[in-house]
Amino acid sequence: MQKSSPMMRAVVLDAPGPVSSLQIREVPIPEPRPGWVLLRLMAFGLNRSELHTRLGLAGPDVTFPRVLGIEATGVIEAAPGTDLPIGSKAVAMMGGMGRAFDGGYAEYTLVPESSIVRVETELDWARLGALPEVLQTAYGSMTVGMGVKEGDTILIRGGTSSVGLVTALLAKQRGMRVLASTRKADRVEELLAFGVDDVLIDDGEITAKVRELVPEGVDGAIELVGAPTLRDTLACARIGGTVCFTGMLSNKWIVEQFYPIDFIPTGVRLTAYGGGASGLPSTVLSDVANAIHRGEVSLPIVTYEMEQIQVAHDDMEHNKVVGKQVVLTSR
């Protein structure tokens, strides 16, 4: 008699659709194989990338049915062919997770070793689960995308997003002046409490407001809203400044009729960032996690149980929460 495979709960998407398309099912736990790491998951963060996939906006590289999730946090259960120690804490992100192969919306996930970042911390799973993707994106956008340095002035276009908040956190740790935009006046105090120096109400055009505060223009800007505001964000940068296109909160990432000489101000640099696990050093992840654990910095989170995945996605789609959404996998 053939032995049955051990099972786990996972959120499965058979095809793009509404939140009701996300279904929790019992599926086999992935079989470890050389060069891949099996993580027993304790938490996973939600990202707009997964919203794009659910809405059918992710492109042809996603196949279905699929377990979504471009990041996850947990404990290494098996890692054949690697030097990773069993039982150690780690996060997984990107590298095809939730797109080319099943991702983190589950109790276990199997990912390539290249998608793993180890972490040494006593931070609780909920707050640790909030960090991998947003920290990797914020850190990479600052260091690789904008190339800003201590004392610079930066603009965060889309400041109340989770990436925007972590970018502000990192920037303030490095002594930078931070300007951040939000479309909603009732979120100004939250941004100020998070350390942002100047908050701009975003009606689609904020260049004049930025120039009142920083007449010469900002040293760097991270574009998290997307194509609709990119031109205006570019106009906020000084000559020699850099704008990094990182996010697509608007769900629009294609600039129509793009004529570079007309679109990009003279002397302003336009870059993009879309890194993965290799862009987040283990030391940076551990340092930020431990700073949060010690109470030196904070990151607002909203937690859900796996059974609430449809509610969580609806909250994300309609921008109902401030901070990072995290799903805890424990029953």
C-alpha atoms as a PDB file:
ATOM      1  CA  MET A   1       0.000   0.000   0.000  1.00  0.00           C
ATOM      2  CA  GLN A   2       1.453   3.353  -1.079  1.00  0.00           C
ATOM      3  CA  LYS A   3       2.126   5.813   1.716  1.00  0.00           C
ATOM      4  CA  SER A   4       0.119   9.026   1.390  1.00  0.00           C
ATOM      5  CA  SER A   5       1.941  12.348   1.243  1.00  0.00           C
ATOM      6  CA  PRO A   6       1.720  14.661   4.260  1.00  0.00           C
ATOM      7  CA  MET A   7      -0.643  17.539   3.628  1.00  0.00           C
ATOM      8  CA  MET A   8      -0.739  21.262   4.348  1.00  0.00           C
ATOM      9  CA  ARG A   9      -3.114  24.170   3.957  1.00  0.00           C
ATOM     10  CA  ALA A  10      -2.481  26.533   1.055  1.00  0.00           C
ATOM     11  CA  VAL A  11      -4.297  29.378  -0.663  1.00  0.00           C
ATOM     12  CA  VAL A  12      -4.808  28.333  -4.282  1.00  0.00           C
ATOM     13  CA  LEU A  13      -5.766  30.547  -7.219  1.00  0.00           C
ATOM     14  CA  ASP A  14      -7.109  28.533 -10.175  1.00  0.00           C
ATOM     15  CA  ALA A  15      -7.402  31.561 -12.457  1.00  0.00           C
ATOM     16  CA  PRO A  16      -7.495  35.359 -12.168  1.00  0.00           C
ATOM     17  CA  GLY A  17     -10.645  36.716 -10.587  1.00  0.00           C
ATOM     18  CA  PRO A  18     -12.277  38.385  -7.562  1.00  0.00           C
ATOM     19  CA  VAL A  19     -11.282  37.725  -3.952  1.00  0.00           C
ATOM     20  CA  SER A  20     -13.580  34.694  -3.901  1.00  0.00           C
ATOM     21  CA  SER A  21     -11.135  33.049  -6.323  1.00  0.00           C
ATOM     22  CA  LEU A  22      -8.682  32.611  -3.437  1.00  0.00           C
ATOM     23  CA  GLN A  23      -9.479  29.210  -1.956  1.00  0.00           C
ATOM     24  CA  ILE A  24      -7.892  27.422   1.010  1.00  0.00           C
ATOM     25  CA  ARG A  25      -7.218  23.768   0.201  1.00  0.00           C
ATOM     26  CA  GLU A  26      -5.344  20.777   1.558  1.00  0.00           C
ATOM     27  CA  VAL A  27      -2.435  20.045  -0.779  1.00  0.00           C
ATOM     28  CA  PRO A  28       0.712  17.893  -0.464  1.00  0.00           C
ATOM     29  CA  ILE A  29       3.699  19.389   1.336  1.00  0.00           C
ATOM     30  CA  PRO A  30       6.420  19.950  -1.320  1.00  0.00           C
ATOM     31  CA  GLU A  31       9.137  17.291  -1.528  1.00  0.00           C
ATOM     32  CA  PRO A  32      12.643  18.640  -0.769  1.00  0.00           C
ATOM     33  CA  ARG A  33      15.175  18.374  -3.579  1.00  0.00           C
ATOM     34  CA  PRO A  34      18.860  19.335  -3.947  1.00  0.00           C
ATOM     35  CA  GLY A  35      19.516  23.048  -4.037  1.00  0.00           C
ATOM     36  CA  TRP A  36      16.023  23.899  -2.799  1.00  0.00           C
ATOM     37  CA  VAL A  37      14.919  24.794   0.718  1.00  0.00           C
ATOM     38  CA  LEU A  38      11.738  23.662   2.463  1.00  0.00           C
ATOM     39  CA  LEU A  39      10.457  26.293   4.883  1.00  0.00           C
ATOM     40  CA  ARG A  40       7.820  25.645   7.536  1.00  0.00           C
ATOM     41  CA  LEU A  41       6.033  28.954   7.377  1.00  0.00           C
ATOM     42  CA  MET A  42       4.940  31.014  10.340  1.00  0.00           C
ATOM     43  CA  ALA A  43       3.855  34.142   8.476  1.00  0.00           C
ATOM     44  CA  PHE A  44       3.682  35.669   5.028  1.00  0.00           C
ATOM     45  CA  GLY A  45       3.304  39.259   3.895  1.00  0.00           C
ATOM     46  CA  LEU A  46       0.872  40.494   1.267  1.00  0.00           C
ATOM     47  CA  ASN A  47       2.115  42.455  -1.723  1.00  0.00           C
ATOM     48  CA  ARG A  48       0.501  44.277  -4.603  1.00  0.00           C
ATOM     49  CA  SER A  49       2.345  41.921  -6.935  1.00  0.00           C
ATOM     50  CA  GLU A  50      -0.054  39.206  -5.758  1.00  0.00           C
ATOM     51  CA  LEU A  51      -3.004  41.537  -6.293  1.00  0.00           C
ATOM     52  CA  HIS A  52      -1.805  42.071  -9.860  1.00  0.00           C
ATOM     53  CA  THR A  53      -1.642  38.298 -10.340  1.00  0.00           C
ATOM     54  CA  ARG A  54      -5.138  37.794  -8.949  1.00  0.00           C
ATOM     55  CA  LEU A  55      -6.489  40.537 -11.202  1.00  0.00           C
ATOM     56  CA  GLY A  56      -4.851  39.000 -14.278  1.00  0.00           C
ATOM     57  CA  LEU A  57      -2.304  41.805 -14.687  1.00  0.00           C
ATOM     58  CA  ALA A  58       0.875  39.822 -14.038  1.00  0.00           C
ATOM     59  CA  GLY A  59       1.648  38.763 -17.612  1.00  0.00           C
ATOM     60  CA  PRO A  60       2.238  35.421 -19.317  1.00  0.00           C
ATOM     61  CA  ASP A  61       4.967  34.153 -16.977  1.00  0.00           C
ATOM     62  CA  VAL A  62       2.371  33.155 -14.333  1.00  0.00           C
ATOM     63  CA  THR A  63       0.739  29.748 -14.733  1.00  0.00           C
ATOM     64  CA  PHE A  64      -2.312  28.401 -12.944  1.00  0.00           C
ATOM     65  CA  PRO A  65      -3.394  26.882 -10.642  1.00  0.00           C
ATOM     66  CA  ARG A  66      -0.944  28.673  -8.402  1.00  0.00           C
ATOM     67  CA  VAL A  67      -0.230  29.245  -4.719  1.00  0.00           C
ATOM     68  CA  LEU A  68       0.483  32.984  -4.601  1.00  0.00           C
ATOM     69  CA  GLY A  69       3.029  34.750  -2.432  1.00  0.00           C
ATOM     70  CA  ILE A  70       6.359  36.360  -3.346  1.00  0.00           C
ATOM     71  CA  GLU A  71       7.626  36.238   0.255  1.00  0.00           C
ATOM     72  CA  ALA A  72       7.388  34.111   3.386  1.00  0.00           C
ATOM     73  CA  THR A  73       8.955  33.751   6.828  1.00  0.00           C
ATOM     74  CA  GLY A  74       9.613  30.629   8.870  1.00  0.00           C
ATOM     75  CA  VAL A  75      11.985  27.844   9.868  1.00  0.00           C
ATOM     76  CA  ILE A  76      14.192  25.729   7.600  1.00  0.00           C
ATOM     77  CA  GLU A  77      12.873  22.156   7.587  1.00  0.00           C
ATOM     78  CA  ALA A  78      15.098  20.695   4.886  1.00  0.00           C
ATOM     79  CA  ALA A  79      17.860  22.036   2.656  1.00  0.00           C
ATOM     80  CA  PRO A  80      19.540  19.173   0.763  1.00  0.00           C
ATOM     81  CA  GLY A  81      22.678  20.123  -1.117  1.00  0.00           C
ATOM     82  CA  THR A  82      23.135  23.390   0.806  1.00  0.00           C
ATOM     83  CA  ASP A  83      24.983  24.540   3.929  1.00  0.00           C
ATOM     84  CA  LEU A  84      21.861  26.032   5.511  1.00  0.00           C
ATOM     85  CA  PRO A  85      21.312  24.725   9.062  1.00  0.00           C
ATOM     86  CA  ILE A  86      18.048  22.908   9.757  1.00  0.00           C
ATOM     87  CA  GLY A  87      15.906  24.685  12.347  1.00  0.00           C
ATOM     88  CA  SER A  88      17.278  28.165  11.672  1.00  0.00           C
ATOM     89  CA  LYS A  89      15.040  31.136  10.993  1.00  0.00           C
ATOM     90  CA  ALA A  90      14.905  32.435   7.451  1.00  0.00           C
ATOM     91  CA  VAL A  91      12.846  34.405   4.984  1.00  0.00           C
ATOM     92  CA  ALA A  92      12.178  33.600   1.351  1.00  0.00           C
ATOM     93  CA  MET A  93      11.384  36.033  -1.428  1.00  0.00           C
ATOM     94  CA  MET A  94      11.132  36.511  -5.162  1.00  0.00           C
ATOM     95  CA  GLY A  95      13.023  34.346  -7.646  1.00  0.00           C
ATOM     96  CA  GLY A  96       9.780  33.112  -9.203  1.00  0.00           C
ATOM     97  CA  MET A  97       7.816  32.537  -5.999  1.00  0.00           C
ATOM     98  CA  GLY A  98       4.074  32.641  -6.562  1.00  0.00           C
ATOM     99  CA  ARG A  99       4.555  32.985 -10.289  1.00  0.00           C
ATOM    100  CA  ALA A 100       6.777  30.325 -11.876  1.00  0.00           C
ATOM    101  CA  PHE A 101       6.305  28.001  -8.881  1.00  0.00           C
ATOM    102  CA  ASP A 102       4.152  27.947  -5.759  1.00  0.00           C
ATOM    103  CA  GLY A 103       4.844  30.665  -3.228  1.00  0.00           C
ATOM    104  CA  GLY A 104       4.254  31.677   0.356  1.00  0.00           C
ATOM    105  CA  TYR A 105       0.468  31.579   0.858  1.00  0.00           C
ATOM    106  CA  ALA A 106       0.798  28.214   2.590  1.00  0.00           C
ATOM    107  CA  GLU A 107       2.032  26.356   5.654  1.00  0.00           C
ATOM    108  CA  TYR A 108       5.160  25.194   3.776  1.00  0.00           C
ATOM    109  CA  THR A 109       6.963  26.431   0.696  1.00  0.00           C
ATOM    110  CA  LEU A 110       9.839  25.049  -1.371  1.00  0.00           C
ATOM    111  CA  VAL A 111      12.150  27.648  -2.893  1.00  0.00           C
ATOM    112  CA  PRO A 112      15.626  27.815  -4.474  1.00  0.00           C
ATOM    113  CA  GLU A 113      18.501  28.450  -2.075  1.00  0.00           C
ATOM    114  CA  SER A 114      19.046  31.776  -3.890  1.00  0.00           C
ATOM    115  CA  SER A 115      15.669  33.000  -2.576  1.00  0.00           C
ATOM    116  CA  ILE A 116      16.629  32.454   1.086  1.00  0.00           C
ATOM    117  CA  VAL A 117      17.952  35.039   3.551  1.00  0.00           C
ATOM    118  CA  ARG A 118      18.777  33.854   7.059  1.00  0.00           C
ATOM    119  CA  VAL A 119      17.890  36.035  10.032  1.00  0.00           C
ATOM    120  CA  GLU A 120      19.006  36.032  13.658  1.00  0.00           C
ATOM    121  CA  THR A 121      16.400  37.687  15.854  1.00  0.00           C
ATOM    122  CA  GLU A 122      13.877  37.116  18.616  1.00  0.00           C
ATOM    123  CA  LEU A 123      11.336  39.393  16.937  1.00  0.00           C
ATOM    124  CA  ASP A 124       7.838  37.892  16.890  1.00  0.00           C
ATOM    125  CA  TRP A 125       6.689  36.165  13.700  1.00  0.00           C
ATOM    126  CA  ALA A 126       4.051  38.759  12.822  1.00  0.00           C
ATOM    127  CA  ARG A 127       6.472  41.666  12.717  1.00  0.00           C
ATOM    128  CA  LEU A 128       9.283  39.595  11.207  1.00  0.00           C
ATOM    129  CA  GLY A 129       6.861  38.430   8.527  1.00  0.00           C
ATOM    130  CA  ALA A 130       6.265  42.059   7.600  1.00  0.00           C
ATOM    131  CA  LEU A 131       9.897  42.751   6.738  1.00  0.00           C
ATOM    132  CA  PRO A 132      11.358  40.676   3.879  1.00  0.00           C
ATOM    133  CA  GLU A 133       9.939  42.178   0.707  1.00  0.00           C
ATOM    134  CA  VAL A 134       9.362  45.729   1.918  1.00  0.00           C
ATOM    135  CA  LEU A 135      12.824  45.944   3.485  1.00  0.00           C
ATOM    136  CA  GLN A 136      14.503  44.452   0.425  1.00  0.00           C
ATOM    137  CA  THR A 137      12.632  46.853  -1.854  1.00  0.00           C
ATOM    138  CA  ALA A 138      13.239  49.938   0.296  1.00  0.00           C
ATOM    139  CA  TYR A 139      16.909  49.140   0.933  1.00  0.00           C
ATOM    140  CA  GLY A 140      17.597  48.315  -2.711  1.00  0.00           C
ATOM    141  CA  SER A 141      15.748  51.372  -3.973  1.00  0.00           C
ATOM    142  CA  MET A 142      17.800  53.601  -1.697  1.00  0.00           C
ATOM    143  CA  THR A 143      21.214  52.028  -2.251  1.00  0.00           C
ATOM    144  CA  VAL A 144      21.023  50.802  -5.850  1.00  0.00           C
ATOM    145  CA  GLY A 145      18.105  52.745  -7.291  1.00  0.00           C
ATOM    146  CA  MET A 146      18.641  56.254  -5.870  1.00  0.00           C
ATOM    147  CA  GLY A 147      22.183  56.004  -4.550  1.00  0.00           C
ATOM    148  CA  VAL A 148      21.406  58.527  -1.822  1.00  0.00           C
ATOM    149  CA  LYS A 149      23.719  59.176   1.105  1.00  0.00           C
ATOM    150  CA  GLU A 150      23.566  60.427   4.683  1.00  0.00           C
ATOM    151  CA  GLY A 151      22.170  63.954   4.901  1.00  0.00           C
ATOM    152  CA  ASP A 152      20.421  63.911   1.510  1.00  0.00           C
ATOM    153  CA  THR A 153      16.814  64.958   0.968  1.00  0.00           C
ATOM    154  CA  ILE A 154      14.464  62.381  -0.511  1.00  0.00           C
ATOM    155  CA  LEU A 155      10.863  62.279  -1.697  1.00  0.00           C
ATOM    156  CA  ILE A 156       8.681  59.197  -1.178  1.00  0.00           C
ATOM    157  CA  ARG A 157       5.818  59.284  -3.684  1.00  0.00           C
ATOM    158  CA  GLY A 158       3.267  57.020  -1.996  1.00  0.00           C
ATOM    159  CA  GLY A 159       4.388  57.464   1.585  1.00  0.00           C
ATOM    160  CA  THR A 160       1.711  55.460   3.409  1.00  0.00           C
ATOM    161  CA  SER A 161       2.475  52.257   1.530  1.00  0.00           C
ATOM    162  CA  SER A 162       4.470  49.658   3.432  1.00  0.00           C
ATOM    163  CA  VAL A 163       7.508  50.217   1.200  1.00  0.00           C
ATOM    164  CA  GLY A 164       7.137  53.955   1.669  1.00  0.00           C
ATOM    165  CA  LEU A 165       7.073  53.639   5.452  1.00  0.00           C
ATOM    166  CA  VAL A 166      10.154  51.392   5.547  1.00  0.00           C
ATOM    167  CA  THR A 167      11.980  53.733   3.171  1.00  0.00           C
ATOM    168  CA  ALA A 168      11.253  56.552   5.612  1.00  0.00           C
ATOM    169  CA  LEU A 169      12.507  54.405   8.482  1.00  0.00           C
ATOM    170  CA  LEU A 170      15.801  53.642   6.724  1.00  0.00           C
ATOM    171  CA  ALA A 171      16.235  57.240   5.589  1.00  0.00           C
ATOM    172  CA  LYS A 172      15.758  58.655   9.082  1.00  0.00           C
ATOM    173  CA  GLN A 173      18.253  56.121  10.451  1.00  0.00           C
ATOM    174  CA  ARG A 174      20.714  57.640   7.980  1.00  0.00           C
ATOM    175  CA  GLY A 175      20.033  61.250   8.885  1.00  0.00           C
ATOM    176  CA  MET A 176      18.123  62.193   5.730  1.00  0.00           C
ATOM    177  CA  ARG A 177      15.367  64.758   5.318  1.00  0.00           C
ATOM    178  CA  VAL A 178      12.225  62.940   4.196  1.00  0.00           C
ATOM    179  CA  LEU A 179       9.332  64.325   2.184  1.00  0.00           C
ATOM    180  CA  ALA A 180       6.406  61.968   1.625  1.00  0.00           C
ATOM    181  CA  SER A 181       3.145  62.211  -0.255  1.00  0.00           C
ATOM    182  CA  THR A 182      -0.307  60.883   0.557  1.00  0.00           C
ATOM    183  CA  ARG A 183      -3.656  61.355  -1.145  1.00  0.00           C
ATOM    184  CA  LYS A 184      -5.516  61.394   2.173  1.00  0.00           C
ATOM    185  CA  ALA A 185      -5.285  64.258   4.652  1.00  0.00           C
ATOM    186  CA  ASP A 186      -6.258  61.977   7.544  1.00  0.00           C
ATOM    187  CA  ARG A 187      -2.952  60.122   7.165  1.00  0.00           C
ATOM    188  CA  VAL A 188      -0.695  63.138   7.607  1.00  0.00           C
ATOM    189  CA  GLU A 189      -0.287  62.638  11.362  1.00  0.00           C
ATOM    190  CA  GLU A 190       0.616  58.974  10.884  1.00  0.00           C
ATOM    191  CA  LEU A 191       3.440  59.906   8.527  1.00  0.00           C
ATOM    192  CA  LEU A 192       4.706  62.628  10.834  1.00  0.00           C
ATOM    193  CA  ALA A 193       4.643  60.192  13.754  1.00  0.00           C
ATOM    194  CA  PHE A 194       6.693  57.789  11.659  1.00  0.00           C
ATOM    195  CA  GLY A 195       9.446  60.368  11.304  1.00  0.00           C
ATOM    196  CA  VAL A 196       8.598  62.001   7.976  1.00  0.00           C
ATOM    197  CA  ASP A 197       9.699  65.656   8.023  1.00  0.00           C
ATOM    198  CA  ASP A 198       7.258  67.089   5.490  1.00  0.00           C
ATOM    199  CA  VAL A 199       3.978  65.561   4.268  1.00  0.00           C
ATOM    200  CA  LEU A 200       2.471  66.587   0.927  1.00  0.00           C
ATOM    201  CA  ILE A 201      -1.178  66.041   0.023  1.00  0.00           C
ATOM    202  CA  ASP A 202      -1.041  64.437  -3.410  1.00  0.00           C
ATOM    203  CA  ASP A 203      -3.610  65.628  -5.935  1.00  0.00           C
ATOM    204  CA  GLY A 204      -1.562  64.316  -8.855  1.00  0.00           C
ATOM    205  CA  GLU A 205       0.801  67.294  -9.008  1.00  0.00           C
ATOM    206  CA  ILE A 206       3.130  68.033  -6.109  1.00  0.00           C
ATOM    207  CA  THR A 207       6.120  69.650  -7.830  1.00  0.00           C
ATOM    208  CA  ALA A 208       5.226  73.177  -6.712  1.00  0.00           C
ATOM    209  CA  LYS A 209       4.798  71.993  -3.111  1.00  0.00           C
ATOM    210  CA  VAL A 210       8.152  70.196  -3.176  1.00  0.00           C
ATOM    211  CA  ARG A 211       9.921  73.213  -4.666  1.00  0.00           C
ATOM    212  CA  GLU A 212       8.513  75.460  -1.939  1.00  0.00           C
ATOM    213  CA  LEU A 213      10.213  73.232   0.623  1.00  0.00           C
ATOM    214  CA  VAL A 214      13.332  72.368  -1.393  1.00  0.00           C
ATOM    215  CA  PRO A 215      13.787  75.032  -4.091  1.00  0.00           C
ATOM    216  CA  GLU A 216      16.689  73.263  -5.803  1.00  0.00           C
ATOM    217  CA  GLY A 217      14.851  69.918  -5.858  1.00  0.00           C
ATOM    218  CA  VAL A 218      15.335  66.683  -3.935  1.00  0.00           C
ATOM    219  CA  ASP A 219      18.438  64.520  -4.175  1.00  0.00           C
ATOM    220  CA  GLY A 220      16.445  61.346  -4.705  1.00  0.00           C
ATOM    221  CA  ALA A 221      12.858  60.222  -5.131  1.00  0.00           C
ATOM    222  CA  ILE A 222      11.237  56.817  -4.977  1.00  0.00           C
ATOM    223  CA  GLU A 223       8.198  56.450  -7.239  1.00  0.00           C
ATOM    224  CA  LEU A 224       5.712  54.060  -5.661  1.00  0.00           C
ATOM    225  CA  VAL A 225       2.481  55.247  -7.293  1.00  0.00           C
ATOM    226  CA  GLY A 226       3.488  54.356 -10.844  1.00  0.00           C
ATOM    227  CA  ALA A 227       3.217  55.704 -14.358  1.00  0.00           C
ATOM    228  CA  PRO A 228       0.515  58.356 -13.743  1.00  0.00           C
ATOM    229  CA  THR A 229       2.711  60.405 -11.380  1.00  0.00           C
ATOM    230  CA  LEU A 230       6.193  59.621 -12.714  1.00  0.00           C
ATOM    231  CA  ARG A 231       6.523  62.769 -14.831  1.00  0.00           C
ATOM    232  CA  ASP A 232       5.575  64.976 -11.888  1.00  0.00           C
ATOM    233  CA  THR A 233       7.966  63.109  -9.580  1.00  0.00           C
ATOM    234  CA  LEU A 234      10.821  63.635 -12.053  1.00  0.00           C
ATOM    235  CA  ALA A 235      10.155  67.366 -11.942  1.00  0.00           C
ATOM    236  CA  CYS A 236      10.744  67.298  -8.163  1.00  0.00           C
ATOM    237  CA  ALA A 237      14.388  66.219  -8.502  1.00  0.00           C
ATOM    238  CA  ARG A 238      17.379  68.516  -8.715  1.00  0.00           C
ATOM    239  CA  ILE A 239      19.865  68.457 -11.579  1.00  0.00           C
ATOM    240  CA  GLY A 240      21.960  65.376 -10.868  1.00  0.00           C
ATOM    241  CA  GLY A 241      19.217  63.899  -8.701  1.00  0.00           C
ATOM    242  CA  THR A 242      17.777  60.435  -9.224  1.00  0.00           C
ATOM    243  CA  VAL A 243      14.205  59.151  -9.422  1.00  0.00           C
ATOM    244  CA  CYS A 244      13.787  55.397  -8.901  1.00  0.00           C
ATOM    245  CA  PHE A 245      10.659  53.761 -10.327  1.00  0.00           C
ATOM    246  CA  THR A 246       9.876  51.031  -7.804  1.00  0.00           C
ATOM    247  CA  GLY A 247       6.144  50.640  -7.225  1.00  0.00           C
ATOM    248  CA  MET A 248       2.800  50.605  -8.990  1.00  0.00           C
ATOM    249  CA  LEU A 249       0.145  51.433  -6.392  1.00  0.00           C
ATOM    250  CA  SER A 250      -1.952  52.796  -9.248  1.00  0.00           C
ATOM    251  CA  ASN A 251      -1.795  49.416 -11.064  1.00  0.00           C
ATOM    252  CA  LYS A 252      -0.428  51.378 -14.042  1.00  0.00           C
ATOM    253  CA  TRP A 253       3.203  50.877 -15.002  1.00  0.00           C
ATOM    254  CA  ILE A 254       3.350  51.715 -18.721  1.00  0.00           C
ATOM    255  CA  VAL A 255       4.055  55.304 -19.756  1.00  0.00           C
ATOM    256  CA  GLU A 256       2.196  56.046 -22.982  1.00  0.00           C
ATOM    257  CA  GLN A 257       3.894  58.104 -25.706  1.00  0.00           C
ATOM    258  CA  PHE A 258       7.198  58.127 -23.855  1.00  0.00           C
ATOM    259  CA  TYR A 259       9.579  60.645 -25.441  1.00  0.00           C
ATOM    260  CA  PRO A 260      12.618  60.724 -23.125  1.00  0.00           C
ATOM    261  CA  ILE A 261      13.947  64.200 -23.964  1.00  0.00           C
ATOM    262  CA  ASP A 262      10.553  65.748 -23.279  1.00  0.00           C
ATOM    263  CA  PHE A 263       9.612  63.464 -20.371  1.00  0.00           C
ATOM    264  CA  ILE A 264      12.835  63.470 -18.304  1.00  0.00           C
ATOM    265  CA  PRO A 265      14.077  66.880 -17.097  1.00  0.00           C
ATOM    266  CA  THR A 266      17.582  67.820 -18.183  1.00  0.00           C
ATOM    267  CA  GLY A 267      20.190  66.315 -15.892  1.00  0.00           C
ATOM    268  CA  VAL A 268      17.773  64.197 -13.841  1.00  0.00           C
ATOM    269  CA  ARG A 269      18.411  60.465 -13.713  1.00  0.00           C
ATOM    270  CA  LEU A 270      15.626  57.895 -14.048  1.00  0.00           C
ATOM    271  CA  THR A 271      16.285  54.376 -12.768  1.00  0.00           C
ATOM    272  CA  ALA A 272      14.226  51.383 -11.680  1.00  0.00           C
ATOM    273  CA  TYR A 273      14.490  48.774  -8.961  1.00  0.00           C
ATOM    274  CA  GLY A 274      13.100  45.260  -8.868  1.00  0.00           C
ATOM    275  CA  GLY A 275      15.589  43.162  -6.924  1.00  0.00           C
ATOM    276  CA  GLY A 276      15.336  39.935  -4.996  1.00  0.00           C
ATOM    277  CA  ALA A 277      16.829  38.110  -2.026  1.00  0.00           C
ATOM    278  CA  SER A 278      20.389  38.900  -3.111  1.00  0.00           C
ATOM    279  CA  GLY A 279      19.587  42.594  -2.658  1.00  0.00           C
ATOM    280  CA  LEU A 280      18.970  42.206   1.085  1.00  0.00           C
ATOM    281  CA  PRO A 281      22.030  41.364   3.185  1.00  0.00           C
ATOM    282  CA  SER A 282      21.291  39.073   6.119  1.00  0.00           C
ATOM    283  CA  THR A 283      22.947  41.607   8.428  1.00  0.00           C
ATOM    284  CA  VAL A 284      20.567  44.374   7.313  1.00  0.00           C
ATOM    285  CA  LEU A 285      17.529  42.147   7.854  1.00  0.00           C
ATOM    286  CA  SER A 286      18.749  41.069  11.294  1.00  0.00           C
ATOM    287  CA  ASP A 287      19.726  44.618  12.317  1.00  0.00           C
ATOM    288  CA  VAL A 288      16.334  46.092  11.418  1.00  0.00           C
ATOM    289  CA  ALA A 289      14.462  43.164  12.990  1.00  0.00           C
ATOM    290  CA  ASN A 290      16.420  43.564  16.218  1.00  0.00           C
ATOM    291  CA  ALA A 291      15.931  47.333  16.247  1.00  0.00           C
ATOM    292  CA  ILE A 292      12.175  46.733  16.063  1.00  0.00           C
ATOM    293  CA  HIS A 293      12.447  44.078  18.783  1.00  0.00           C
ATOM    294  CA  ARG A 294      14.247  46.554  21.051  1.00  0.00           C
ATOM    295  CA  GLY A 295      11.555  49.162  20.427  1.00  0.00           C
ATOM    296  CA  GLU A 296      13.918  51.608  18.715  1.00  0.00           C
ATOM    297  CA  VAL A 297      11.803  51.748  15.559  1.00  0.00           C
ATOM    298  CA  SER A 298       8.360  50.499  14.662  1.00  0.00           C
ATOM    299  CA  LEU A 299       6.533  49.294  11.578  1.00  0.00           C
ATOM    300  CA  PRO A 300       2.728  49.367  11.558  1.00  0.00           C
ATOM    301  CA  ILE A 301       1.231  46.013  10.640  1.00  0.00           C
ATOM    302  CA  VAL A 302      -2.229  44.514  10.267  1.00  0.00           C
ATOM    303  CA  THR A 303      -2.468  40.769  10.905  1.00  0.00           C
ATOM    304  CA  TYR A 304      -4.884  38.151   9.605  1.00  0.00           C
ATOM    305  CA  GLU A 305      -5.432  34.420   9.952  1.00  0.00           C
ATOM    306  CA  MET A 306      -5.159  32.318   6.804  1.00  0.00           C
ATOM    307  CA  GLU A 307      -8.948  31.898   6.789  1.00  0.00           C
ATOM    308  CA  GLN A 308      -9.183  35.675   6.331  1.00  0.00           C
ATOM    309  CA  ILE A 309      -7.187  35.765   3.083  1.00  0.00           C
ATOM    310  CA  GLN A 310     -10.145  37.043   1.066  1.00  0.00           C
ATOM    311  CA  VAL A 311     -10.709  39.867   3.549  1.00  0.00           C
ATOM    312  CA  ALA A 312      -7.003  40.689   3.476  1.00  0.00           C
ATOM    313  CA  HIS A 313      -6.944  40.885  -0.330  1.00  0.00           C
ATOM    314  CA  ASP A 314     -10.041  43.055  -0.372  1.00  0.00           C
ATOM    315  CA  ASP A 315      -8.401  45.389   2.147  1.00  0.00           C
ATOM    316  CA  MET A 316      -5.306  45.572  -0.069  1.00  0.00           C
ATOM    317  CA  GLU A 317      -7.266  46.137  -3.280  1.00  0.00           C
ATOM    318  CA  HIS A 318      -9.233  49.006  -1.772  1.00  0.00           C
ATOM    319  CA  ASN A 319      -6.368  50.560   0.235  1.00  0.00           C
ATOM    320  CA  LYS A 320      -8.148  50.100   3.566  1.00  0.00           C
ATOM    321  CA  VAL A 321      -5.080  49.733   5.783  1.00  0.00           C
ATOM    322  CA  VAL A 322      -1.918  51.645   6.619  1.00  0.00           C
ATOM    323  CA  GLY A 323       1.158  49.510   7.080  1.00  0.00           C
ATOM    324  CA  LYS A 324       2.130  46.015   6.086  1.00  0.00           C
ATOM    325  CA  GLN A 325      -0.456  43.240   5.895  1.00  0.00           C
ATOM    326  CA  VAL A 326       0.727  39.948   7.378  1.00  0.00           C
ATOM    327  CA  VAL A 327      -1.006  36.561   7.479  1.00  0.00           C
ATOM    328  CA  LEU A 328      -0.155  34.161  10.318  1.00  0.00           C
ATOM    329  CA  THR A 329      -0.245  30.504   9.326  1.00  0.00           C
ATOM    330  CA  SER A 330      -0.619  28.838  12.752  1.00  0.00           C
ATOM    331  CA  ARG A 331      -3.992  27.251  13.446  1.00  0.00           C
END
